[in-house]
Protein backbone atom coordinates (compact mmCIF):
# COMPACT_ATOMS: atom_id res chain seq x y z
CA MET A 1 0.00 0.00 0.00
CA GLN A 2 1.39 3.36 -0.97
CA SER A 3 0.04 6.87 -0.92
CA TYR A 4 1.55 9.96 -2.46
CA TRP A 5 1.71 13.57 -1.38
CA LEU A 6 2.73 16.69 -3.31
CA ASP A 7 2.33 15.10 -6.77
CA GLY A 8 4.70 12.24 -5.97
CA PHE A 9 7.50 14.40 -4.57
CA VAL A 10 6.94 12.81 -1.17
CA GLN A 11 6.04 9.13 -1.06
CA PHE A 12 4.86 7.18 1.98
CA ALA A 13 4.99 3.41 2.06
CA LEU A 14 4.26 0.80 4.69
CA LEU A 15 7.18 -1.41 5.58
CA PRO A 16 6.91 -4.91 4.13
CA ASP A 17 6.04 -7.80 6.41
CA THR A 18 9.54 -9.11 6.97
CA ASP A 19 11.81 -9.68 9.91
CA ILE A 20 11.86 -5.94 10.69
CA GLN A 21 10.84 -5.40 14.29
CA ALA A 22 9.18 -2.28 15.68
CA VAL A 23 11.56 0.67 15.51
CA GLN A 24 12.35 1.78 19.05
CA SER A 25 15.67 3.60 18.77
CA ILE A 26 17.82 5.63 16.43
CA LEU A 27 19.90 2.49 15.75
CA ASP A 28 16.74 0.63 14.69
CA ALA A 29 15.83 3.57 12.44
CA GLN A 30 19.26 3.45 10.77
CA LYS A 31 18.91 -0.29 10.18
CA VAL A 32 15.45 0.02 8.62
CA CYS A 33 16.52 2.88 6.34
CA SER A 34 19.46 0.79 5.21
CA LEU A 35 17.34 -2.34 4.60
CA VAL A 36 14.56 -0.65 2.63
CA THR A 37 16.71 2.12 1.11
CA CYS A 38 14.81 5.17 2.29
CA ASP A 39 15.96 8.71 3.07
CA TYR A 40 13.55 9.39 5.94
CA LEU A 41 11.61 7.29 8.41
CA LEU A 42 8.64 8.26 10.58
CA TYR A 43 8.36 6.11 13.69
CA GLY A 44 7.13 6.34 17.23
CA TYR A 45 4.20 5.37 19.38
CA VAL A 46 0.54 6.05 20.04
CA LYS A 47 -0.77 5.15 23.50
CA LYS A 48 -4.24 5.07 24.96
CA SER A 49 -4.90 5.03 28.69
CA ASP A 50 -8.17 5.27 30.58
CA ILE A 51 -7.96 9.05 30.49
CA ARG A 52 -6.01 10.10 27.39
CA TRP A 53 -4.41 9.45 24.02
CA SER A 54 -0.74 10.39 23.53
CA ALA A 55 1.72 10.14 20.67
CA GLU A 56 5.38 10.78 20.00
CA ILE A 57 6.44 10.50 16.35
CA LYS A 58 10.05 11.02 15.22
CA LEU A 59 11.35 11.93 11.76
CA PHE A 60 14.70 10.20 11.23
CA ASN A 61 17.05 11.46 8.50
CA ALA A 62 19.13 8.57 7.09
CA HIS A 63 21.75 10.94 5.61
CA THR A 64 22.54 12.85 8.81
CA LYS A 65 21.71 9.87 11.07
CA LYS A 66 19.75 12.24 13.34
CA HIS A 67 16.16 13.12 14.07
CA ASP A 68 15.08 16.14 12.04
CA ALA A 69 11.98 16.58 14.21
CA VAL A 70 9.96 15.06 17.03
CA PHE A 71 6.18 15.52 17.07
CA PHE A 72 3.93 15.26 20.12
CA ALA A 73 0.17 15.15 20.53
CA SER A 74 -2.24 14.28 23.30
CA ASP A 75 -5.92 14.59 24.11
CA ASP A 76 -8.46 13.08 26.47
CA SER A 77 -9.63 9.56 25.68
CA GLU A 78 -13.06 10.68 24.44
CA HIS A 79 -11.65 12.85 21.64
CA TYR A 80 -9.86 10.42 19.32
CA GLU A 81 -10.73 12.34 16.14
CA ARG A 82 -9.41 15.60 17.59
CA PHE A 83 -6.27 13.79 18.77
CA CYS A 84 -5.64 12.43 15.24
CA GLU A 85 -6.20 15.86 13.70
CA THR A 86 -3.78 17.46 16.15
CA ALA A 87 -1.11 14.82 15.53
CA ALA A 88 -1.46 15.15 11.74
CA ARG A 89 -1.35 18.95 11.90
CA ASN A 90 1.78 18.86 14.09
CA ILE A 91 3.54 16.65 11.54
CA ALA A 92 2.37 18.66 8.52
CA GLU A 93 3.55 21.97 9.94
C-alpha cells in the first residue's frame, strides 16, 4: 500500500512484512533505512490510557543519522478524532 503527497515528490509506504521489528531507537531507524533504502523514516508510538491518548512521532534522516523533528500530541480519551487531527497537523507543519 502506498500513498503519495505533493504530486509524488513525497512518497509514503508501509514497511513490508519481513523480519523488521518495531523501531524503538535511532539504531533501529538506521537499520530500517538501510534495509529498505529510504531517506527518511517516521516512527514512534501512540498510546491510549483510561484518560487520554498520547503520541510521540520522530522523523529520522538517514543521511545525517539524526532526528530532524519530534512531534507530540495528546488529548483526552473521548476525543480520538481531535487527537488524530492534532497529531497530523503537528507533523504537517
